[in-house]
Amino acid sequence: MITVPVGPAGMTAPNVVLGLMRIADKTDDEIRTLVGAARDAGIDFFDHADVYGSRRHECEERFGAAMGFTPAEREEVTIQTKTGIVPEGPYFDFSYEHIVSSVEDSLRALRTDYIDILLLHRPDALVEPDEVARAFDELEASGKVRAFGVSNHTPRQIDLLKASVRQPIVANQLQLSITHAPIVAQGVATNMSGVDQSATIDGGGILDYCRLNKITVQAWSPFQAGFFNGVFLGSPEYPELNAAIDRLAAHYDVPPIAIATAWITRHPARMQVVLGTTTTQRVADAALGSGIPLTRAEWYELFRTAGYRVP
């Protein structure tokens, strides 16, 4: 398993991580088997959010109850969680009170004394950066959170936070797959007249911004065709792409899902791939893409056959 920097302060982590948003209905044994398969594949980084499950903190609770880490075992893994989404209203909340209380609830649910990385989940239009800074300072000083990041944030939204927050923003979790790659594709077609791909979105340049500021991009939904509308692997809607993936899988002697992983990990931004599967074999197969050295020609072939313009 290849490791990558997470933020500017020397933290490292595997470039494939396990997301746990779908474990609410799993038994303790099933959760332990899933986590064990991830550990066997070299994955010791686990991604949560307070809203994962049918009620707040449900998936965190299931993980904490199933794993029951001893202090020594806890030090062997990285636990990341998120806060800020409140589905029942007010929908988004980056207030000092909400951030701190949510972390306290996450700590109890996860049965741990600290969270390695806390992400702000989807931007809050009513954010007060000074309140975020106050929460981060308190959580860091108390040892309850060791590092901080964001999810689905634009460059200017991060800059706004950084005007008040003194801790480094170590990660930005963004949707990215071969077929959903606007953060990559826009730069490739910049200034091309009449090409939708050339349109600047979300302020533009989030991938370059993260690289310049040593913010690790974490790719969520890495196998989804779009926004939770099915996977592209094996889909009849992507015959040319899947033919290319299958050919490369045979060439590198790995399952096709490993090639989908490798398309992301090959990028020089040194991103992390966040797996959302609860199938142990898919975890093991996807992890095989961690270090596959796709050539430039292979990488761009997958990009082109996914439907993106390569001038």
C-alpha atoms as a PDB file:
ATOM      1  CA  MET A   1       0.000   0.000   0.000  1.00  0.00           C
ATOM      2  CA  ILE A   2       1.382   3.389  -1.039  1.00  0.00           C
ATOM      3  CA  THR A   3       1.308   6.131   1.603  1.00  0.00           C
ATOM      4  CA  VAL A   4       0.839   9.836   0.930  1.00  0.00           C
ATOM      5  CA  PRO A   5       1.238  13.031   2.959  1.00  0.00           C
ATOM      6  CA  VAL A   6      -1.897  14.340   4.640  1.00  0.00           C
ATOM      7  CA  GLY A   7      -1.404  18.047   5.101  1.00  0.00           C
ATOM      8  CA  PRO A   8       1.887  19.909   5.548  1.00  0.00           C
ATOM      9  CA  ALA A   9       2.923  18.721   9.017  1.00  0.00           C
ATOM     10  CA  GLY A  10       4.348  15.260   8.311  1.00  0.00           C
ATOM     11  CA  MET A  11       1.237  13.110   8.757  1.00  0.00           C
ATOM     12  CA  THR A  12       1.074  10.196   6.301  1.00  0.00           C
ATOM     13  CA  ALA A  13      -1.676   7.734   5.444  1.00  0.00           C
ATOM     14  CA  PRO A  14      -2.490   5.038   2.880  1.00  0.00           C
ATOM     15  CA  ASN A  15      -3.736   6.316  -0.464  1.00  0.00           C
ATOM     16  CA  VAL A  16      -6.762   4.000  -0.242  1.00  0.00           C
ATOM     17  CA  VAL A  17      -9.047   4.397   2.790  1.00  0.00           C
ATOM     18  CA  LEU A  18     -12.260   2.750   3.959  1.00  0.00           C
ATOM     19  CA  GLY A  19     -15.439   4.801   4.199  1.00  0.00           C
ATOM     20  CA  LEU A  20     -18.044   3.457   6.615  1.00  0.00           C
ATOM     21  CA  MET A  21     -21.288   5.192   5.680  1.00  0.00           C
ATOM     22  CA  ARG A  22     -23.086   1.903   4.924  1.00  0.00           C
ATOM     23  CA  ILE A  23     -22.470  -0.200   8.059  1.00  0.00           C
ATOM     24  CA  ALA A  24     -25.566   0.725  10.073  1.00  0.00           C
ATOM     25  CA  ASP A  25     -27.297  -2.603   9.368  1.00  0.00           C
ATOM     26  CA  LYS A  26     -24.178  -4.753   9.704  1.00  0.00           C
ATOM     27  CA  THR A  27     -23.534  -7.063  12.643  1.00  0.00           C
ATOM     28  CA  ASP A  28     -20.489  -6.652  14.848  1.00  0.00           C
ATOM     29  CA  ASP A  29     -18.896  -9.678  13.207  1.00  0.00           C
ATOM     30  CA  GLU A  30     -19.552  -8.275   9.729  1.00  0.00           C
ATOM     31  CA  ILE A  31     -17.989  -4.944  10.673  1.00  0.00           C
ATOM     32  CA  ARG A  32     -14.942  -6.639  12.174  1.00  0.00           C
ATOM     33  CA  THR A  33     -14.573  -8.797   9.060  1.00  0.00           C
ATOM     34  CA  LEU A  34     -14.785  -5.726   6.808  1.00  0.00           C
ATOM     35  CA  VAL A  35     -12.242  -3.791   8.870  1.00  0.00           C
ATOM     36  CA  GLY A  36     -10.013  -6.865   9.013  1.00  0.00           C
ATOM     37  CA  ALA A  37     -10.070  -7.176   5.223  1.00  0.00           C
ATOM     38  CA  ALA A  38      -9.106  -3.525   4.969  1.00  0.00           C
ATOM     39  CA  ARG A  39      -6.255  -3.952   7.450  1.00  0.00           C
ATOM     40  CA  ASP A  40      -5.031  -7.021   5.555  1.00  0.00           C
ATOM     41  CA  ALA A  41      -4.947  -4.879   2.403  1.00  0.00           C
ATOM     42  CA  GLY A  42      -2.869  -2.216   4.147  1.00  0.00           C
ATOM     43  CA  ILE A  43      -5.727   0.168   4.954  1.00  0.00           C
ATOM     44  CA  ASP A  44      -5.583   1.563   8.492  1.00  0.00           C
ATOM     45  CA  PHE A  45      -7.509   4.795   7.804  1.00  0.00           C
ATOM     46  CA  PHE A  46     -11.284   4.845   8.448  1.00  0.00           C
ATOM     47  CA  ASP A  47     -13.643   7.588   7.301  1.00  0.00           C
ATOM     48  CA  HIS A  48     -16.881   8.448   9.150  1.00  0.00           C
ATOM     49  CA  ALA A  49     -19.392  11.288   9.453  1.00  0.00           C
ATOM     50  CA  ASP A  50     -21.883  12.159  12.150  1.00  0.00           C
ATOM     51  CA  VAL A  51     -24.744  11.875   9.612  1.00  0.00           C
ATOM     52  CA  TYR A  52     -23.904   8.378   8.357  1.00  0.00           C
ATOM     53  CA  GLY A  53     -26.766   6.031   9.200  1.00  0.00           C
ATOM     54  CA  SER A  54     -30.496   6.483   9.690  1.00  0.00           C
ATOM     55  CA  ARG A  55     -29.862   8.711  12.721  1.00  0.00           C
ATOM     56  CA  ARG A  56     -26.974  10.911  13.788  1.00  0.00           C
ATOM     57  CA  HIS A  57     -23.808   9.042  14.829  1.00  0.00           C
ATOM     58  CA  GLU A  58     -25.344   5.626  14.063  1.00  0.00           C
ATOM     59  CA  CYS A  59     -22.477   4.318  11.914  1.00  0.00           C
ATOM     60  CA  GLU A  60     -19.927   5.718  14.332  1.00  0.00           C
ATOM     61  CA  GLU A  61     -21.698   3.847  17.133  1.00  0.00           C
ATOM     62  CA  ARG A  62     -21.731   0.598  15.173  1.00  0.00           C
ATOM     63  CA  PHE A  63     -18.007   0.919  14.452  1.00  0.00           C
ATOM     64  CA  GLY A  64     -17.120   1.776  18.044  1.00  0.00           C
ATOM     65  CA  ALA A  65     -19.181  -1.068  19.480  1.00  0.00           C
ATOM     66  CA  ALA A  66     -17.888  -3.642  17.025  1.00  0.00           C
ATOM     67  CA  MET A  67     -14.216  -2.762  17.200  1.00  0.00           C
ATOM     68  CA  GLY A  68     -13.773  -1.914  20.889  1.00  0.00           C
ATOM     69  CA  PHE A  69     -10.167  -0.817  20.366  1.00  0.00           C
ATOM     70  CA  THR A  70      -7.734  -1.021  23.251  1.00  0.00           C
ATOM     71  CA  PRO A  71      -5.578   2.136  23.613  1.00  0.00           C
ATOM     72  CA  ALA A  72      -2.711   0.371  21.815  1.00  0.00           C
ATOM     73  CA  GLU A  73      -4.989  -0.786  18.988  1.00  0.00           C
ATOM     74  CA  ARG A  74      -6.456   2.699  18.679  1.00  0.00           C
ATOM     75  CA  GLU A  75      -2.999   4.168  18.061  1.00  0.00           C
ATOM     76  CA  GLU A  76      -2.556   1.811  15.110  1.00  0.00           C
ATOM     77  CA  VAL A  77      -5.417   3.322  13.092  1.00  0.00           C
ATOM     78  CA  THR A  78      -6.491   6.732  11.821  1.00  0.00           C
ATOM     79  CA  ILE A  79     -10.111   7.714  12.444  1.00  0.00           C
ATOM     80  CA  GLN A  80     -11.581  10.612  10.525  1.00  0.00           C
ATOM     81  CA  THR A  81     -15.084  11.977  10.947  1.00  0.00           C
ATOM     82  CA  LYS A  82     -17.115  14.943   9.726  1.00  0.00           C
ATOM     83  CA  THR A  83     -19.592  17.442  11.073  1.00  0.00           C
ATOM     84  CA  GLY A  84     -21.744  20.274   9.772  1.00  0.00           C
ATOM     85  CA  ILE A  85     -24.687  18.615   8.004  1.00  0.00           C
ATOM     86  CA  VAL A  86     -27.959  18.600   9.955  1.00  0.00           C
ATOM     87  CA  PRO A  87     -30.520  16.853   7.696  1.00  0.00           C
ATOM     88  CA  GLU A  88     -33.525  17.619   9.887  1.00  0.00           C
ATOM     89  CA  GLY A  89     -32.644  21.311   9.964  1.00  0.00           C
ATOM     90  CA  PRO A  90     -30.990  23.766   9.899  1.00  0.00           C
ATOM     91  CA  TYR A  91     -29.317  21.620   7.193  1.00  0.00           C
ATOM     92  CA  PHE A  92     -25.816  23.098   7.641  1.00  0.00           C
ATOM     93  CA  ASP A  93     -24.288  24.323  10.881  1.00  0.00           C
ATOM     94  CA  PHE A  94     -20.659  25.387  11.387  1.00  0.00           C
ATOM     95  CA  SER A  95     -21.400  27.214  14.637  1.00  0.00           C
ATOM     96  CA  TYR A  96     -19.025  26.833  17.568  1.00  0.00           C
ATOM     97  CA  GLU A  97     -21.720  25.089  19.617  1.00  0.00           C
ATOM     98  CA  HIS A  98     -22.595  22.568  16.917  1.00  0.00           C
ATOM     99  CA  ILE A  99     -19.010  21.653  16.030  1.00  0.00           C
ATOM    100  CA  VAL A 100     -17.996  21.089  19.656  1.00  0.00           C
ATOM    101  CA  SER A 101     -21.131  19.175  20.658  1.00  0.00           C
ATOM    102  CA  SER A 102     -20.972  17.021  17.534  1.00  0.00           C
ATOM    103  CA  VAL A 103     -17.368  16.073  18.264  1.00  0.00           C
ATOM    104  CA  GLU A 104     -18.285  15.153  21.844  1.00  0.00           C
ATOM    105  CA  ASP A 105     -21.049  12.905  20.500  1.00  0.00           C
ATOM    106  CA  SER A 106     -18.699  11.372  17.914  1.00  0.00           C
ATOM    107  CA  LEU A 107     -16.126  10.584  20.595  1.00  0.00           C
ATOM    108  CA  ARG A 108     -18.733   8.773  22.648  1.00  0.00           C
ATOM    109  CA  ALA A 109     -20.089   6.925  19.618  1.00  0.00           C
ATOM    110  CA  LEU A 110     -16.657   5.846  18.404  1.00  0.00           C
ATOM    111  CA  ARG A 111     -15.521   4.947  21.940  1.00  0.00           C
ATOM    112  CA  THR A 112     -12.310   6.876  21.589  1.00  0.00           C
ATOM    113  CA  ASP A 113     -10.615   9.770  23.385  1.00  0.00           C
ATOM    114  CA  TYR A 114      -9.584  11.573  20.215  1.00  0.00           C
ATOM    115  CA  ILE A 115     -10.341  11.999  16.526  1.00  0.00           C
ATOM    116  CA  ASP A 116      -7.353  12.055  14.213  1.00  0.00           C
ATOM    117  CA  ILE A 117      -8.951  14.289  11.564  1.00  0.00           C
ATOM    118  CA  LEU A 118     -12.179  16.299  11.710  1.00  0.00           C
ATOM    119  CA  LEU A 119     -13.644  17.542   8.423  1.00  0.00           C
ATOM    120  CA  LEU A 120     -16.264  20.239   7.949  1.00  0.00           C
ATOM    121  CA  HIS A 121     -18.867  18.477   5.829  1.00  0.00           C
ATOM    122  CA  ARG A 122     -20.267  20.486   2.867  1.00  0.00           C
ATOM    123  CA  PRO A 123     -20.060  24.284   3.141  1.00  0.00           C
ATOM    124  CA  ASP A 124     -22.307  26.271   5.454  1.00  0.00           C
ATOM    125  CA  ALA A 125     -23.443  29.452   3.683  1.00  0.00           C
ATOM    126  CA  LEU A 126     -23.867  31.091   7.118  1.00  0.00           C
ATOM    127  CA  VAL A 127     -20.384  30.193   8.338  1.00  0.00           C
ATOM    128  CA  GLU A 128     -18.673  32.561  10.762  1.00  0.00           C
ATOM    129  CA  PRO A 129     -14.952  31.725  10.434  1.00  0.00           C
ATOM    130  CA  ASP A 130     -14.168  33.107  13.886  1.00  0.00           C
ATOM    131  CA  GLU A 131     -16.608  30.605  15.422  1.00  0.00           C
ATOM    132  CA  VAL A 132     -14.966  27.752  13.516  1.00  0.00           C
ATOM    133  CA  ALA A 133     -11.565  28.955  14.715  1.00  0.00           C
ATOM    134  CA  ARG A 134     -12.766  29.051  18.314  1.00  0.00           C
ATOM    135  CA  ALA A 135     -14.090  25.492  18.059  1.00  0.00           C
ATOM    136  CA  PHE A 136     -10.916  24.199  16.414  1.00  0.00           C
ATOM    137  CA  ASP A 137      -8.700  25.865  19.029  1.00  0.00           C
ATOM    138  CA  GLU A 138     -10.689  24.356  21.891  1.00  0.00           C
ATOM    139  CA  LEU A 139     -10.798  20.871  20.356  1.00  0.00           C
ATOM    140  CA  GLU A 140      -7.080  20.912  19.589  1.00  0.00           C
ATOM    141  CA  ALA A 141      -6.082  22.252  23.018  1.00  0.00           C
ATOM    142  CA  SER A 142      -8.121  19.558  24.751  1.00  0.00           C
ATOM    143  CA  GLY A 143      -6.540  16.813  22.632  1.00  0.00           C
ATOM    144  CA  LYS A 144      -9.918  15.746  21.263  1.00  0.00           C
ATOM    145  CA  VAL A 145      -9.019  16.460  17.617  1.00  0.00           C
ATOM    146  CA  ARG A 146      -5.512  16.234  16.184  1.00  0.00           C
ATOM    147  CA  ALA A 147      -6.006  17.710  12.693  1.00  0.00           C
ATOM    148  CA  PHE A 148      -8.673  19.519  10.690  1.00  0.00           C
ATOM    149  CA  GLY A 149      -9.929  19.622   7.124  1.00  0.00           C
ATOM    150  CA  VAL A 150     -12.965  20.213   4.937  1.00  0.00           C
ATOM    151  CA  SER A 151     -15.175  18.392   2.466  1.00  0.00           C
ATOM    152  CA  ASN A 152     -16.616  19.691  -0.812  1.00  0.00           C
ATOM    153  CA  HIS A 153     -15.106  23.167  -0.342  1.00  0.00           C
ATOM    154  CA  THR A 154     -13.985  25.603  -3.048  1.00  0.00           C
ATOM    155  CA  PRO A 155     -10.695  27.540  -2.969  1.00  0.00           C
ATOM    156  CA  ARG A 156     -12.326  30.753  -1.768  1.00  0.00           C
ATOM    157  CA  GLN A 157     -14.321  28.958   0.922  1.00  0.00           C
ATOM    158  CA  ILE A 158     -11.093  27.495   2.248  1.00  0.00           C
ATOM    159  CA  ASP A 159      -9.398  30.899   2.110  1.00  0.00           C
ATOM    160  CA  LEU A 160     -12.279  32.384   4.085  1.00  0.00           C
ATOM    161  CA  LEU A 161     -11.782  29.786   6.824  1.00  0.00           C
ATOM    162  CA  LYS A 162      -8.008  30.244   6.779  1.00  0.00           C
ATOM    163  CA  ALA A 163      -8.438  33.958   7.477  1.00  0.00           C
ATOM    164  CA  SER A 164      -9.441  32.961  11.033  1.00  0.00           C
ATOM    165  CA  VAL A 165      -8.427  29.327  11.530  1.00  0.00           C
ATOM    166  CA  ARG A 166      -4.785  28.927  12.574  1.00  0.00           C
ATOM    167  CA  GLN A 167      -4.547  25.136  12.157  1.00  0.00           C
ATOM    168  CA  PRO A 168      -3.557  23.787   8.715  1.00  0.00           C
ATOM    169  CA  ILE A 169      -6.401  22.515   6.542  1.00  0.00           C
ATOM    170  CA  VAL A 170      -5.006  19.039   5.870  1.00  0.00           C
ATOM    171  CA  ALA A 171      -7.662  17.511   3.578  1.00  0.00           C
ATOM    172  CA  ASN A 172     -10.517  18.333   1.226  1.00  0.00           C
ATOM    173  CA  GLN A 173     -12.854  15.451   0.416  1.00  0.00           C
ATOM    174  CA  LEU A 174     -14.231  15.861  -3.124  1.00  0.00           C
ATOM    175  CA  GLN A 175     -16.264  13.671  -5.472  1.00  0.00           C
ATOM    176  CA  LEU A 176     -13.994  12.198  -8.144  1.00  0.00           C
ATOM    177  CA  SER A 177     -14.063   9.191 -10.450  1.00  0.00           C
ATOM    178  CA  ILE A 178     -13.016   8.553 -14.042  1.00  0.00           C
ATOM    179  CA  THR A 179     -16.517   9.500 -15.217  1.00  0.00           C
ATOM    180  CA  HIS A 180     -17.069  12.333 -12.719  1.00  0.00           C
ATOM    181  CA  ALA A 181     -13.920  14.388 -13.019  1.00  0.00           C
ATOM    182  CA  PRO A 182     -14.771  18.092 -13.478  1.00  0.00           C
ATOM    183  CA  ILE A 183     -12.021  19.090 -11.039  1.00  0.00           C
ATOM    184  CA  VAL A 184      -9.529  17.515 -13.465  1.00  0.00           C
ATOM    185  CA  ALA A 185     -11.276  18.063 -16.792  1.00  0.00           C
ATOM    186  CA  GLN A 186     -11.813  21.810 -16.567  1.00  0.00           C
ATOM    187  CA  GLY A 187      -8.099  22.502 -16.582  1.00  0.00           C
ATOM    188  CA  VAL A 188      -7.461  20.265 -19.562  1.00  0.00           C
ATOM    189  CA  ALA A 189      -9.905  22.213 -21.772  1.00  0.00           C
ATOM    190  CA  THR A 190      -9.343  25.724 -20.418  1.00  0.00           C
ATOM    191  CA  ASN A 191     -10.276  28.524 -22.839  1.00  0.00           C
ATOM    192  CA  MET A 192     -11.677  26.223 -25.535  1.00  0.00           C
ATOM    193  CA  SER A 193     -14.634  27.939 -27.184  1.00  0.00           C
ATOM    194  CA  GLY A 194     -17.919  26.022 -27.223  1.00  0.00           C
ATOM    195  CA  VAL A 195     -16.691  23.187 -25.000  1.00  0.00           C
ATOM    196  CA  ASP A 196     -18.725  22.716 -21.810  1.00  0.00           C
ATOM    197  CA  GLN A 197     -15.740  21.069 -20.174  1.00  0.00           C
ATOM    198  CA  SER A 198     -13.848  24.375 -20.385  1.00  0.00           C
ATOM    199  CA  ALA A 199     -16.310  26.182 -18.113  1.00  0.00           C
ATOM    200  CA  THR A 200     -14.842  27.396 -14.838  1.00  0.00           C
ATOM    201  CA  ILE A 201     -16.873  26.022 -11.935  1.00  0.00           C
ATOM    202  CA  ASP A 202     -16.776  26.563  -8.176  1.00  0.00           C
ATOM    203  CA  GLY A 203     -14.169  29.285  -8.546  1.00  0.00           C
ATOM    204  CA  GLY A 204     -11.930  27.016 -10.628  1.00  0.00           C
ATOM    205  CA  GLY A 205      -8.717  25.218  -9.906  1.00  0.00           C
ATOM    206  CA  ILE A 206      -9.551  23.392  -6.663  1.00  0.00           C
ATOM    207  CA  LEU A 207      -7.174  20.531  -7.476  1.00  0.00           C
ATOM    208  CA  ASP A 208      -4.278  22.899  -8.212  1.00  0.00           C
ATOM    209  CA  TYR A 209      -5.190  24.981  -5.177  1.00  0.00           C
ATOM    210  CA  CYS A 210      -5.001  21.933  -2.916  1.00  0.00           C
ATOM    211  CA  ARG A 211      -1.643  20.923  -4.364  1.00  0.00           C
ATOM    212  CA  LEU A 212      -0.220  24.412  -3.853  1.00  0.00           C
ATOM    213  CA  ASN A 213      -1.465  24.535  -0.268  1.00  0.00           C
ATOM    214  CA  LYS A 214      -0.525  20.950   0.669  1.00  0.00           C
ATOM    215  CA  ILE A 215      -4.153  19.951   1.198  1.00  0.00           C
ATOM    216  CA  THR A 216      -4.718  16.267   0.492  1.00  0.00           C
ATOM    217  CA  VAL A 217      -7.643  15.560  -1.823  1.00  0.00           C
ATOM    218  CA  GLN A 218      -9.753  12.588  -0.736  1.00  0.00           C
ATOM    219  CA  ALA A 219     -11.798  11.197  -3.634  1.00  0.00           C
ATOM    220  CA  TRP A 220     -15.277  10.048  -2.627  1.00  0.00           C
ATOM    221  CA  SER A 221     -17.565   7.914  -4.826  1.00  0.00           C
ATOM    222  CA  PRO A 222     -14.516   6.778  -6.838  1.00  0.00           C
ATOM    223  CA  PHE A 223     -16.515   4.215  -8.857  1.00  0.00           C
ATOM    224  CA  GLN A 224     -19.775   6.119  -9.281  1.00  0.00           C
ATOM    225  CA  ALA A 225     -20.741   7.255 -12.774  1.00  0.00           C
ATOM    226  CA  GLY A 226     -22.136  10.489 -11.349  1.00  0.00           C
ATOM    227  CA  PHE A 227     -23.907  11.593  -8.198  1.00  0.00           C
ATOM    228  CA  PHE A 228     -25.003   8.257  -6.724  1.00  0.00           C
ATOM    229  CA  ASN A 229     -26.519   7.016  -9.994  1.00  0.00           C
ATOM    230  CA  GLY A 230     -24.709   3.711 -10.327  1.00  0.00           C
ATOM    231  CA  VAL A 231     -21.176   2.542 -10.937  1.00  0.00           C
ATOM    232  CA  PHE A 232     -19.493   2.819 -14.322  1.00  0.00           C
ATOM    233  CA  LEU A 233     -17.632  -0.485 -13.962  1.00  0.00           C
ATOM    234  CA  GLY A 234     -19.401  -3.019 -16.165  1.00  0.00           C
ATOM    235  CA  SER A 235     -22.087  -0.511 -17.134  1.00  0.00           C
ATOM    236  CA  PRO A 236     -23.418  -0.798 -20.715  1.00  0.00           C
ATOM    237  CA  GLU A 237     -23.468   3.004 -20.809  1.00  0.00           C
ATOM    238  CA  TYR A 238     -19.656   3.050 -20.907  1.00  0.00           C
ATOM    239  CA  PRO A 239     -18.644   0.302 -23.352  1.00  0.00           C
ATOM    240  CA  GLU A 240     -15.459   1.960 -24.634  1.00  0.00           C
ATOM    241  CA  LEU A 241     -14.281   2.886 -21.144  1.00  0.00           C
ATOM    242  CA  ASN A 242     -14.910  -0.603 -19.763  1.00  0.00           C
ATOM    243  CA  ALA A 243     -13.118  -2.185 -22.732  1.00  0.00           C
ATOM    244  CA  ALA A 244     -10.082  -0.038 -21.922  1.00  0.00           C
ATOM    245  CA  ILE A 245     -10.320  -0.843 -18.199  1.00  0.00           C
ATOM    246  CA  ASP A 246     -10.607  -4.573 -18.879  1.00  0.00           C
ATOM    247  CA  ARG A 247      -7.595  -4.505 -21.208  1.00  0.00           C
ATOM    248  CA  LEU A 248      -5.477  -2.673 -18.635  1.00  0.00           C
ATOM    249  CA  ALA A 249      -6.689  -4.986 -15.864  1.00  0.00           C
ATOM    250  CA  ALA A 250      -5.477  -7.954 -17.897  1.00  0.00           C
ATOM    251  CA  HIS A 251      -2.174  -6.198 -18.619  1.00  0.00           C
ATOM    252  CA  TYR A 252      -1.505  -5.451 -14.929  1.00  0.00           C
ATOM    253  CA  ASP A 253      -3.073  -8.733 -13.757  1.00  0.00           C
ATOM    254  CA  VAL A 254      -5.551  -7.063 -11.404  1.00  0.00           C
ATOM    255  CA  PRO A 255      -9.359  -6.797 -11.205  1.00  0.00           C
ATOM    256  CA  PRO A 256     -10.965  -3.915 -13.139  1.00  0.00           C
ATOM    257  CA  ILE A 257     -11.802  -2.046  -9.927  1.00  0.00           C
ATOM    258  CA  ALA A 258      -8.066  -1.744  -9.242  1.00  0.00           C
ATOM    259  CA  ILE A 259      -7.632   0.153 -12.512  1.00  0.00           C
ATOM    260  CA  ALA A 260     -10.408   2.562 -11.476  1.00  0.00           C
ATOM    261  CA  THR A 261      -8.518   3.110  -8.224  1.00  0.00           C
ATOM    262  CA  ALA A 262      -5.214   3.528 -10.046  1.00  0.00           C
ATOM    263  CA  TRP A 263      -6.600   6.258 -12.306  1.00  0.00           C
ATOM    264  CA  ILE A 264      -6.993   8.403  -9.185  1.00  0.00           C
ATOM    265  CA  THR A 265      -3.854   7.355  -7.307  1.00  0.00           C
ATOM    266  CA  ARG A 266      -1.703   7.861 -10.433  1.00  0.00           C
ATOM    267  CA  HIS A 267      -2.436  11.597 -10.399  1.00  0.00           C
ATOM    268  CA  PRO A 268       0.549  13.593  -9.074  1.00  0.00           C
ATOM    269  CA  ALA A 269      -1.683  15.319  -6.508  1.00  0.00           C
ATOM    270  CA  ARG A 270      -1.172  12.116  -4.466  1.00  0.00           C
ATOM    271  CA  MET A 271      -4.832  11.769  -3.574  1.00  0.00           C
ATOM    272  CA  GLN A 272      -6.592   9.286  -1.311  1.00  0.00           C
ATOM    273  CA  VAL A 273      -9.380   7.051  -2.648  1.00  0.00           C
ATOM    274  CA  VAL A 274     -12.293   6.661  -0.221  1.00  0.00           C
ATOM    275  CA  LEU A 275     -13.943   3.267  -0.688  1.00  0.00           C
ATOM    276  CA  GLY A 276     -17.643   3.058   0.132  1.00  0.00           C
ATOM    277  CA  THR A 277     -18.140  -0.681  -0.324  1.00  0.00           C
ATOM    278  CA  THR A 278     -18.998  -3.125   2.442  1.00  0.00           C
ATOM    279  CA  THR A 279     -17.919  -6.130   0.357  1.00  0.00           C
ATOM    280  CA  THR A 280     -14.601  -7.479   1.605  1.00  0.00           C
ATOM    281  CA  GLN A 281     -13.486  -8.760  -1.804  1.00  0.00           C
ATOM    282  CA  ARG A 282     -14.119  -5.383  -3.404  1.00  0.00           C
ATOM    283  CA  VAL A 283     -12.052  -3.724  -0.691  1.00  0.00           C
ATOM    284  CA  ALA A 284      -9.161  -6.110  -1.341  1.00  0.00           C
ATOM    285  CA  ASP A 285      -9.492  -5.767  -5.121  1.00  0.00           C
ATOM    286  CA  ALA A 286      -9.721  -1.959  -5.078  1.00  0.00           C
ATOM    287  CA  ALA A 287      -6.681  -1.704  -2.808  1.00  0.00           C
ATOM    288  CA  LEU A 288      -4.586  -3.439  -5.472  1.00  0.00           C
ATOM    289  CA  GLY A 289      -4.743  -0.206  -7.458  1.00  0.00           C
ATOM    290  CA  SER A 290      -2.799   1.705  -4.811  1.00  0.00           C
ATOM    291  CA  GLY A 291       0.517   1.625  -6.650  1.00  0.00           C
ATOM    292  CA  ILE A 292      -0.234   0.619 -10.253  1.00  0.00           C
ATOM    293  CA  PRO A 293       2.036   2.824 -12.425  1.00  0.00           C
ATOM    294  CA  LEU A 294      -0.365   3.746 -15.221  1.00  0.00           C
ATOM    295  CA  THR A 295       1.488   5.430 -18.055  1.00  0.00           C
ATOM    296  CA  ARG A 296       0.437   8.871 -19.265  1.00  0.00           C
ATOM    297  CA  ALA A 297      -1.011   7.267 -22.395  1.00  0.00           C
ATOM    298  CA  GLU A 298      -3.035   4.793 -20.328  1.00  0.00           C
ATOM    299  CA  TRP A 299      -4.267   7.486 -17.944  1.00  0.00           C
ATOM    300  CA  TYR A 300      -5.369   9.775 -20.775  1.00  0.00           C
ATOM    301  CA  GLU A 301      -6.993   6.901 -22.657  1.00  0.00           C
ATOM    302  CA  LEU A 302      -9.257   6.235 -19.675  1.00  0.00           C
ATOM    303  CA  PHE A 303      -9.984   9.958 -19.375  1.00  0.00           C
ATOM    304  CA  ARG A 304     -10.896  10.223 -23.074  1.00  0.00           C
ATOM    305  CA  THR A 305     -13.012   7.079 -23.215  1.00  0.00           C
ATOM    306  CA  ALA A 306     -14.954   8.329 -20.190  1.00  0.00           C
ATOM    307  CA  GLY A 307     -16.192  11.104 -22.454  1.00  0.00           C
ATOM    308  CA  TYR A 308     -13.833  13.961 -21.679  1.00  0.00           C
ATOM    309  CA  ARG A 309     -12.246  16.135 -24.338  1.00  0.00           C
ATOM    310  CA  VAL A 310      -8.496  15.717 -24.808  1.00  0.00           C
ATOM    311  CA  PRO A 311      -7.484  18.516 -27.221  1.00  0.00           C
END
